[in-house]
Structures are given as C-alpha cells and as structure tokens.
Amino acid sequence: GAIGNAIILAARLSADAGPGEILIAQRTFASAEDAIEANFAGDRTVKGFSRPVATYAVTGSVGRETAASMVSSAPGAGPTIGEPGETASP
C-alpha cells in the first residue's frame, strides 16, 4: 500500500545516503519545506520503483525548531528513530 511504499522508499534513500547525509523524496520535501532547508540531489533509480525518484539532501532546519522536534511533538507521534532512550520491541 501507499504507507508501505513510503516506508520502503525512506529505507532505500537512507541506505543510499552518504555519511552524515539525509536524503528525502520530493513528497517529503514538499510536506516539510517550511521547516527544513534542502538541495535538490537529483533523480535516483530506486529498487522496487518503476520511475526515478526526485530526491533532496537535507542541509538544515529553518527557525528554532528542528524537523525532528516538530515531528516528535505532533499529536499521536511516537518516539523518533534514534531518539535517546529508544528501545526496540521484539
């Protein structure tokens, strides 16, 4: 489904990113462009997707809130991956 595709795409872009780099898809950038700074990183061929994916490299946040803090403070949001104190469930 659509949610599964988004998760798969995020995982693939994460795997393709270089050290210290955060790659996001165009739809994610469009949703977060008021909170983050990013540069177009090109169209990438991504395994499992029939068309190239427009990607952006996140370079920073805008204003005082970081994108991660905005996501983690959203109503109903759970812990952010990599958040201190996070534990995996079996």
PDB file of N, CA and C in Angstrom:
ATOM      1  N   GLY A   1       0.800  -1.191   0.000  1.00  0.00           N
ATOM      2  CA  GLY A   1       0.000   0.000   0.000  1.00  0.00           C
ATOM      3  C   GLY A   1       0.842   1.254   0.000  1.00  0.00           C
ATOM      4  N   ALA A   2       0.186   2.378   0.000  1.00  0.00           N
ATOM      5  CA  ALA A   2       0.876   3.668  -0.063  1.00  0.00           C
ATOM      6  C   ALA A   2       1.787   3.901   1.134  1.00  0.00           C
ATOM      7  N   ILE A   3       1.331   3.526   2.327  1.00  0.00           N
ATOM      8  CA  ILE A   3       2.164   3.717   3.516  1.00  0.00           C
ATOM      9  C   ILE A   3       3.383   2.813   3.441  1.00  0.00           C
ATOM     10  N   GLY A   4       3.192   1.572   3.009  1.00  0.00           N
ATOM     11  CA  GLY A   4       4.306   0.647   2.863  1.00  0.00           C
ATOM     12  C   GLY A   4       5.326   1.150   1.860  1.00  0.00           C
ATOM     13  N   ASN A   5       4.859   1.720   0.747  1.00  0.00           N
ATOM     14  CA  ASN A   5       5.775   2.260  -0.256  1.00  0.00           C
ATOM     15  C   ASN A   5       6.592   3.410   0.307  1.00  0.00           C
ATOM     16  N   ALA A   6       5.970   4.265   1.094  1.00  0.00           N
ATOM     17  CA  ALA A   6       6.680   5.394   1.693  1.00  0.00           C
ATOM     18  C   ALA A   6       7.773   4.905   2.636  1.00  0.00           C
ATOM     19  N   ILE A   7       7.471   3.880   3.402  1.00  0.00           N
ATOM     20  CA  ILE A   7       8.461   3.326   4.335  1.00  0.00           C
ATOM     21  C   ILE A   7       9.601   2.670   3.568  1.00  0.00           C
ATOM     22  N   ILE A   8       9.271   1.921   2.538  1.00  0.00           N
ATOM     23  CA  ILE A   8      10.305   1.265   1.724  1.00  0.00           C
ATOM     24  C   ILE A   8      11.186   2.317   1.061  1.00  0.00           C
ATOM     25  N   LEU A   9      10.571   3.358   0.505  1.00  0.00           N
ATOM     26  CA  LEU A   9      11.346   4.422  -0.138  1.00  0.00           C
ATOM     27  C   LEU A   9      12.267   5.100   0.863  1.00  0.00           C
ATOM     28  N   ALA A  10      11.758   5.426   2.038  1.00  0.00           N
ATOM     29  CA  ALA A  10      12.589   6.064   3.067  1.00  0.00           C
ATOM     30  C   ALA A  10      13.771   5.186   3.447  1.00  0.00           C
ATOM     31  N   ALA A  11      13.535   3.893   3.586  1.00  0.00           N
ATOM     32  CA  ALA A  11      14.618   2.965   3.934  1.00  0.00           C
ATOM     33  C   ALA A  11      15.662   2.907   2.827  1.00  0.00           C
ATOM     34  N   ARG A  12      15.212   2.863   1.585  1.00  0.00           N
ATOM     35  CA  ARG A  12      16.157   2.801   0.456  1.00  0.00           C
ATOM     36  C   ARG A  12      16.962   4.089   0.340  1.00  0.00           C
ATOM     37  N   LEU A  13      16.321   5.234   0.526  1.00  0.00           N
ATOM     38  CA  LEU A  13      17.052   6.501   0.469  1.00  0.00           C
ATOM     39  C   LEU A  13      18.033   6.615   1.627  1.00  0.00           C
ATOM     40  N   SER A  14      17.642   6.124   2.788  1.00  0.00           N
ATOM     41  CA  SER A  14      18.542   6.128   3.936  1.00  0.00           C
ATOM     42  C   SER A  14      19.783   5.285   3.650  1.00  0.00           C
ATOM     43  N   ALA A  15      19.571   4.141   3.021  1.00  0.00           N
ATOM     44  CA  ALA A  15      20.691   3.252   2.682  1.00  0.00           C
ATOM     45  C   ALA A  15      21.595   3.879   1.625  1.00  0.00           C
ATOM     46  N   ASP A  16      21.029   4.682   0.727  1.00  0.00           N
ATOM     47  CA  ASP A  16      21.806   5.319  -0.344  1.00  0.00           C
ATOM     48  C   ASP A  16      22.553   6.565   0.128  1.00  0.00           C
ATOM     49  N   ALA A  17      22.133   7.140   1.233  1.00  0.00           N
ATOM     50  CA  ALA A  17      22.737   8.385   1.720  1.00  0.00           C
ATOM     51  C   ALA A  17      24.175   8.146   2.168  1.00  0.00           C
ATOM     52  N   GLY A  18      24.988   9.154   1.960  1.00  0.00           N
ATOM     53  CA  GLY A  18      26.367   9.091   2.424  1.00  0.00           C
ATOM     54  C   GLY A  18      26.445   9.363   3.916  1.00  0.00           C
ATOM     55  N   PRO A  19      27.645   9.242   4.485  1.00  0.00           N
ATOM     56  CA  PRO A  19      27.817   9.512   5.915  1.00  0.00           C
ATOM     57  C   PRO A  19      27.371  10.936   6.257  1.00  0.00           C
ATOM     58  N   GLY A  20      26.508  11.064   7.242  1.00  0.00           N
ATOM     59  CA  GLY A  20      26.021  12.363   7.671  1.00  0.00           C
ATOM     60  C   GLY A  20      25.008  13.003   6.738  1.00  0.00           C
ATOM     61  N   GLU A  21      24.584  12.280   5.709  1.00  0.00           N
ATOM     62  CA  GLU A  21      23.642  12.825   4.730  1.00  0.00           C
ATOM     63  C   GLU A  21      22.234  12.297   4.992  1.00  0.00           C
ATOM     64  N   ILE A  22      21.250  13.152   4.805  1.00  0.00           N
ATOM     65  CA  ILE A  22      19.849  12.758   4.913  1.00  0.00           C
ATOM     66  C   ILE A  22      19.206  13.011   3.559  1.00  0.00           C
ATOM     67  N   LEU A  23      18.732  11.950   2.924  1.00  0.00           N
ATOM     68  CA  LEU A  23      18.029  12.075   1.646  1.00  0.00           C
ATOM     69  C   LEU A  23      16.545  11.875   1.868  1.00  0.00           C
ATOM     70  N   ILE A  24      15.750  12.723   1.229  1.00  0.00           N
ATOM     71  CA  ILE A  24      14.303  12.598   1.303  1.00  0.00           C
ATOM     72  C   ILE A  24      13.728  12.685  -0.106  1.00  0.00           C
ATOM     73  N   ALA A  25      12.540  12.135  -0.268  1.00  0.00           N
ATOM     74  CA  ALA A  25      11.848  12.197  -1.550  1.00  0.00           C
ATOM     75  C   ALA A  25      11.141  13.542  -1.692  1.00  0.00           C
ATOM     76  N   GLN A  26      10.740  13.850  -2.912  1.00  0.00           N
ATOM     77  CA  GLN A  26      10.102  15.125  -3.220  1.00  0.00           C
ATOM     78  C   GLN A  26       8.846  15.352  -2.385  1.00  0.00           C
ATOM     79  N   ARG A  27       8.033  14.326  -2.201  1.00  0.00           N
ATOM     80  CA  ARG A  27       6.791  14.489  -1.430  1.00  0.00           C
ATOM     81  C   ARG A  27       7.101  14.859   0.026  1.00  0.00           C
ATOM     82  N   THR A  28       8.134  14.251   0.604  1.00  0.00           N
ATOM     83  CA  THR A  28       8.531  14.595   1.971  1.00  0.00           C
ATOM     84  C   THR A  28       9.029  16.023   2.026  1.00  0.00           C
ATOM     85  N   PHE A  29       9.833  16.405   1.045  1.00  0.00           N
ATOM     86  CA  PHE A  29      10.330  17.783   0.984  1.00  0.00           C
ATOM     87  C   PHE A  29       9.170  18.769   0.888  1.00  0.00           C
ATOM     88  N   ALA A  30       8.198  18.483   0.035  1.00  0.00           N
ATOM     89  CA  ALA A  30       7.046  19.372  -0.123  1.00  0.00           C
ATOM     90  C   ALA A  30       6.281  19.526   1.182  1.00  0.00           C
ATOM     91  N   SER A  31       6.197  18.453   1.967  1.00  0.00           N
ATOM     92  CA  SER A  31       5.481  18.491   3.244  1.00  0.00           C
ATOM     93  C   SER A  31       6.245  19.251   4.326  1.00  0.00           C
ATOM     94  N   ALA A  32       7.568  19.270   4.222  1.00  0.00           N
ATOM     95  CA  ALA A  32       8.391  19.829   5.294  1.00  0.00           C
ATOM     96  C   ALA A  32       9.188  21.063   4.885  1.00  0.00           C
ATOM     97  N   GLU A  33       8.953  21.584   3.679  1.00  0.00           N
ATOM     98  CA  GLU A  33       9.816  22.658   3.182  1.00  0.00           C
ATOM     99  C   GLU A  33       9.785  23.933   4.015  1.00  0.00           C
ATOM    100  N   ASP A  34       8.745  24.137   4.817  1.00  0.00           N
ATOM    101  CA  ASP A  34       8.718  25.305   5.702  1.00  0.00           C
ATOM    102  C   ASP A  34       9.592  25.113   6.937  1.00  0.00           C
ATOM    103  N   ALA A  35       9.998  23.870   7.209  1.00  0.00           N
ATOM    104  CA  ALA A  35      10.758  23.584   8.423  1.00  0.00           C
ATOM    105  C   ALA A  35      12.211  23.196   8.152  1.00  0.00           C
ATOM    106  N   ILE A  36      12.516  22.835   6.900  1.00  0.00           N
ATOM    107  CA  ILE A  36      13.870  22.369   6.599  1.00  0.00           C
ATOM    108  C   ILE A  36      14.463  23.109   5.413  1.00  0.00           C
ATOM    109  N   GLU A  37      15.770  23.034   5.322  1.00  0.00           N
ATOM    110  CA  GLU A  37      16.491  23.512   4.150  1.00  0.00           C
ATOM    111  C   GLU A  37      17.025  22.274   3.448  1.00  0.00           C
ATOM    112  N   ALA A  38      16.893  22.226   2.139  1.00  0.00           N
ATOM    113  CA  ALA A  38      17.363  21.070   1.382  1.00  0.00           C
ATOM    114  C   ALA A  38      17.724  21.491  -0.028  1.00  0.00           C
ATOM    115  N   ASN A  39      18.641  20.757  -0.622  1.00  0.00           N
ATOM    116  CA  ASN A  39      19.054  20.979  -2.003  1.00  0.00           C
ATOM    117  C   ASN A  39      18.634  19.797  -2.854  1.00  0.00           C
ATOM    118  N   PHE A  40      18.213  20.090  -4.071  1.00  0.00           N
ATOM    119  CA  PHE A  40      17.861  19.017  -4.990  1.00  0.00           C
ATOM    120  C   PHE A  40      19.096  18.143  -5.189  1.00  0.00           C
ATOM    121  N   ALA A  41      18.941  16.840  -4.998  1.00  0.00           N
ATOM    122  CA  ALA A  41      20.067  15.896  -5.099  1.00  0.00           C
ATOM    123  C   ALA A  41      19.960  15.018  -6.343  1.00  0.00           C
ATOM    124  N   GLY A  42      19.007  15.314  -7.199  1.00  0.00           N
ATOM    125  CA  GLY A  42      18.885  14.578  -8.450  1.00  0.00           C
ATOM    126  C   GLY A  42      17.809  13.511  -8.415  1.00  0.00           C
ATOM    127  N   ASP A  43      17.557  12.982  -9.591  1.00  0.00           N
ATOM    128  CA  ASP A  43      16.621  11.863  -9.725  1.00  0.00           C
ATOM    129  C   ASP A  43      17.419  10.579  -9.557  1.00  0.00           C
ATOM    130  N   ARG A  44      16.921   9.668  -8.742  1.00  0.00           N
ATOM    131  CA  ARG A  44      17.613   8.413  -8.470  1.00  0.00           C
ATOM    132  C   ARG A  44      16.756   7.237  -8.877  1.00  0.00           C
ATOM    133  N   THR A  45      17.412   6.227  -9.405  1.00  0.00           N
ATOM    134  CA  THR A  45      16.745   4.958  -9.646  1.00  0.00           C
ATOM    135  C   THR A  45      16.741   4.223  -8.321  1.00  0.00           C
ATOM    136  N   VAL A  46      15.563   3.839  -7.874  1.00  0.00           N
ATOM    137  CA  VAL A  46      15.416   3.177  -6.575  1.00  0.00           C
ATOM    138  C   VAL A  46      14.802   1.802  -6.811  1.00  0.00           C
ATOM    139  N   LYS A  47      15.453   0.784  -6.283  1.00  0.00           N
ATOM    140  CA  LYS A  47      14.960  -0.586  -6.424  1.00  0.00           C
ATOM    141  C   LYS A  47      13.510  -0.683  -5.954  1.00  0.00           C
ATOM    142  N   GLY A  48      12.676  -1.307  -6.781  1.00  0.00           N
ATOM    143  CA  GLY A  48      11.281  -1.508  -6.426  1.00  0.00           C
ATOM    144  C   GLY A  48      10.350  -0.403  -6.910  1.00  0.00           C
ATOM    145  N   PHE A  49      10.899   0.658  -7.500  1.00  0.00           N
ATOM    146  CA  PHE A  49      10.095   1.766  -8.007  1.00  0.00           C
ATOM    147  C   PHE A  49      10.326   1.881  -9.512  1.00  0.00           C
ATOM    148  N   SER A  50       9.250   1.973 -10.260  1.00  0.00           N
ATOM    149  CA  SER A  50       9.345   1.922 -11.722  1.00  0.00           C
ATOM    150  C   SER A  50       9.892   3.204 -12.342  1.00  0.00           C
ATOM    151  N   ARG A  51       9.797   4.321 -11.636  1.00  0.00           N
ATOM    152  CA  ARG A  51      10.292   5.594 -12.169  1.00  0.00           C
ATOM    153  C   ARG A  51      11.371   6.158 -11.258  1.00  0.00           C
ATOM    154  N   PRO A  52      12.260   6.973 -11.828  1.00  0.00           N
ATOM    155  CA  PRO A  52      13.254   7.638 -10.975  1.00  0.00           C
ATOM    156  C   PRO A  52      12.555   8.499  -9.924  1.00  0.00           C
ATOM    157  N   VAL A  53      13.184   8.626  -8.781  1.00  0.00           N
ATOM    158  CA  VAL A  53      12.627   9.368  -7.645  1.00  0.00           C
ATOM    159  C   VAL A  53      13.424  10.665  -7.480  1.00  0.00           C
ATOM    160  N   ALA A  54      12.714  11.806  -7.468  1.00  0.00           N
ATOM    161  CA  ALA A  54      13.355  13.096  -7.203  1.00  0.00           C
ATOM    162  C   ALA A  54      13.749  13.126  -5.731  1.00  0.00           C
ATOM    163  N   THR A  55      15.018  13.412  -5.462  1.00  0.00           N
ATOM    164  CA  THR A  55      15.500  13.408  -4.081  1.00  0.00           C
ATOM    165  C   THR A  55      16.104  14.757  -3.696  1.00  0.00           C
ATOM    166  N   TYR A  56      16.087  14.998  -2.388  1.00  0.00           N
ATOM    167  CA  TYR A  56      16.646  16.218  -1.818  1.00  0.00           C
ATOM    168  C   TYR A  56      17.556  15.839  -0.658  1.00  0.00           C
ATOM    169  N   ALA A  57      18.670  16.553  -0.536  1.00  0.00           N
ATOM    170  CA  ALA A  57      19.583  16.361   0.590  1.00  0.00           C
ATOM    171  C   ALA A  57      19.279  17.450   1.617  1.00  0.00           C
ATOM    172  N   VAL A  58      18.912  17.034   2.818  1.00  0.00           N
ATOM    173  CA  VAL A  58      18.588  17.984   3.886  1.00  0.00           C
ATOM    174  C   VAL A  58      19.876  18.629   4.369  1.00  0.00           C
ATOM    175  N   THR A  59      19.872  19.971   4.426  1.00  0.00           N
ATOM    176  CA  THR A  59      21.067  20.701   4.842  1.00  0.00           C
ATOM    177  C   THR A  59      20.894  21.404   6.186  1.00  0.00           C
ATOM    178  N   GLY A  60      19.662  21.507   6.677  1.00  0.00           N
ATOM    179  CA  GLY A  60      19.455  22.159   7.960  1.00  0.00           C
ATOM    180  C   GLY A  60      17.988  22.382   8.236  1.00  0.00           C
ATOM    181  N   SER A  61      17.733  23.064   9.329  1.00  0.00           N
ATOM    182  CA  SER A  61      16.358  23.374   9.713  1.00  0.00           C
ATOM    183  C   SER A  61      16.149  24.880   9.617  1.00  0.00           C
ATOM    184  N   VAL A  62      14.903  25.281   9.574  1.00  0.00           N
ATOM    185  CA  VAL A  62      14.542  26.692   9.493  1.00  0.00           C
ATOM    186  C   VAL A  62      13.977  27.102  10.847  1.00  0.00           C
ATOM    187  N   GLY A  63      14.425  28.193  11.357  1.00  0.00           N
ATOM    188  CA  GLY A  63      13.894  28.682  12.629  1.00  0.00           C
ATOM    189  C   GLY A  63      14.481  27.940  13.814  1.00  0.00           C
ATOM    190  N   ARG A  64      13.769  28.016  14.912  1.00  0.00           N
ATOM    191  CA  ARG A  64      14.278  27.462  16.158  1.00  0.00           C
ATOM    192  C   ARG A  64      13.971  25.998  16.333  1.00  0.00           C
ATOM    193  N   GLU A  65      12.906  25.507  15.726  1.00  0.00           N
ATOM    194  CA  GLU A  65      12.553  24.100  15.862  1.00  0.00           C
ATOM    195  C   GLU A  65      13.224  23.269  14.782  1.00  0.00           C
ATOM    196  N   THR A  66      13.708  22.113  15.142  1.00  0.00           N
ATOM    197  CA  THR A  66      14.223  21.209  14.131  1.00  0.00           C
ATOM    198  C   THR A  66      13.063  20.391  13.585  1.00  0.00           C
ATOM    199  N   ALA A  67      13.257  19.834  12.405  1.00  0.00           N
ATOM    200  CA  ALA A  67      12.213  18.996  11.813  1.00  0.00           C
ATOM    201  C   ALA A  67      11.892  17.829  12.746  1.00  0.00           C
ATOM    202  N   ALA A  68      12.911  17.230  13.363  1.00  0.00           N
ATOM    203  CA  ALA A  68      12.688  16.087  14.254  1.00  0.00           C
ATOM    204  C   ALA A  68      11.841  16.494  15.454  1.00  0.00           C
ATOM    205  N   SER A  69      12.080  17.682  16.007  1.00  0.00           N
ATOM    206  CA  SER A  69      11.289  18.090  17.163  1.00  0.00           C
ATOM    207  C   SER A  69       9.851  18.381  16.761  1.00  0.00           C
ATOM    208  N   MET A  70       9.648  18.871  15.543  1.00  0.00           N
ATOM    209  CA  MET A  70       8.289  19.129  15.070  1.00  0.00           C
ATOM    210  C   MET A  70       7.527  17.816  14.907  1.00  0.00           C
ATOM    211  N   VAL A  71       8.201  16.801  14.366  1.00  0.00           N
ATOM    212  CA  VAL A  71       7.560  15.503  14.162  1.00  0.00           C
ATOM    213  C   VAL A  71       7.273  14.857  15.507  1.00  0.00           C
ATOM    214  N   SER A  72       8.251  14.857  16.409  1.00  0.00           N
ATOM    215  CA  SER A  72       8.075  14.156  17.682  1.00  0.00           C
ATOM    216  C   SER A  72       7.050  14.843  18.579  1.00  0.00           C
ATOM    217  N   SER A  73       6.770  16.120  18.348  1.00  0.00           N
ATOM    218  CA  SER A  73       5.777  16.810  19.179  1.00  0.00           C
ATOM    219  C   SER A  73       4.390  16.801  18.554  1.00  0.00           C
ATOM    220  N   ALA A  74       4.257  16.219  17.367  1.00  0.00           N
ATOM    221  CA  ALA A  74       2.943  16.159  16.708  1.00  0.00           C
ATOM    222  C   ALA A  74       2.005  15.269  17.515  1.00  0.00           C
ATOM    223  N   PRO A  75       0.710  15.603  17.527  1.00  0.00           N
ATOM    224  CA  PRO A  75      -0.246  14.781  18.275  1.00  0.00           C
ATOM    225  C   PRO A  75      -0.203  13.319  17.829  1.00  0.00           C
ATOM    226  N   GLY A  76      -0.090  12.425  18.782  1.00  0.00           N
ATOM    227  CA  GLY A  76      -0.073  10.994  18.474  1.00  0.00           C
ATOM    228  C   GLY A  76       1.263  10.465  18.011  1.00  0.00           C
ATOM    229  N   ALA A  77       2.284  11.292  17.948  1.00  0.00           N
ATOM    230  CA  ALA A  77       3.595  10.843  17.471  1.00  0.00           C
ATOM    231  C   ALA A  77       4.268   9.978  18.521  1.00  0.00           C
ATOM    232  N   GLY A  78       4.894   8.928  18.062  1.00  0.00           N
ATOM    233  CA  GLY A  78       5.684   8.075  18.938  1.00  0.00           C
ATOM    234  C   GLY A  78       7.117   8.547  18.940  1.00  0.00           C
ATOM    235  N   PRO A  79       8.014   7.758  19.513  1.00  0.00           N
ATOM    236  CA  PRO A  79       9.419   8.154  19.541  1.00  0.00           C
ATOM    237  C   PRO A  79      10.011   8.210  18.142  1.00  0.00           C
ATOM    238  N   THR A  80      10.920   9.140  17.948  1.00  0.00           N
ATOM    239  CA  THR A  80      11.628   9.252  16.678  1.00  0.00           C
ATOM    240  C   THR A  80      12.737   8.218  16.656  1.00  0.00           C
ATOM    241  N   ILE A  81      12.950   7.590  15.510  1.00  0.00           N
ATOM    242  CA  ILE A  81      14.022   6.590  15.389  1.00  0.00           C
ATOM    243  C   ILE A  81      15.335   7.258  15.737  1.00  0.00           C
ATOM    244  N   GLY A  82      16.100   6.611  16.593  1.00  0.00           N
ATOM    245  CA  GLY A  82      17.376   7.152  17.015  1.00  0.00           C
ATOM    246  C   GLY A  82      17.271   8.100  18.197  1.00  0.00           C
ATOM    247  N   GLU A  83      16.082   8.247  18.733  1.00  0.00           N
ATOM    248  CA  GLU A  83      15.879   9.124  19.873  1.00  0.00           C
ATOM    249  C   GLU A  83      16.545   8.505  21.099  1.00  0.00           C
ATOM    250  N   PRO A  84      17.216   9.311  21.923  1.00  0.00           N
ATOM    251  CA  PRO A  84      17.841   8.742  23.130  1.00  0.00           C
ATOM    252  C   PRO A  84      16.808   7.982  23.967  1.00  0.00           C
ATOM    253  N   GLY A  85      17.190   6.848  24.459  1.00  0.00           N
ATOM    254  CA  GLY A  85      16.316   6.046  25.288  1.00  0.00           C
ATOM    255  C   GLY A  85      15.371   5.132  24.516  1.00  0.00           C
ATOM    256  N   GLU A  86      15.451   5.168  23.201  1.00  0.00           N
ATOM    257  CA  GLU A  86      14.577   4.324  22.393  1.00  0.00           C
ATOM    258  C   GLU A  86      14.987   2.855  22.540  1.00  0.00           C
ATOM    259  N   THR A  87      14.016   2.012  22.659  1.00  0.00           N
ATOM    260  CA  THR A  87      14.278   0.570  22.717  1.00  0.00           C
ATOM    261  C   THR A  87      13.467  -0.133  21.660  1.00  0.00           C
ATOM    262  N   ALA A  88      14.000  -1.195  21.135  1.00  0.00           N
ATOM    263  CA  ALA A  88      13.274  -1.977  20.118  1.00  0.00           C
ATOM    264  C   ALA A  88      12.362  -2.977  20.803  1.00  0.00           C
ATOM    265  N   SER A  89      11.198  -3.212  20.221  1.00  0.00           N
ATOM    266  CA  SER A  89      10.298  -4.230  20.738  1.00  0.00           C
ATOM    267  C   SER A  89      10.512  -5.520  19.960  1.00  0.00           C
ATOM    268  N   PRO A  90      10.380  -6.643  20.632  1.00  0.00           N
ATOM    269  CA  PRO A  90      10.570  -7.915  19.925  1.00  0.00           C
ATOM    270  C   PRO A  90       9.480  -8.173  18.916  1.00  0.00           C
TER     271      PRO A  90
END
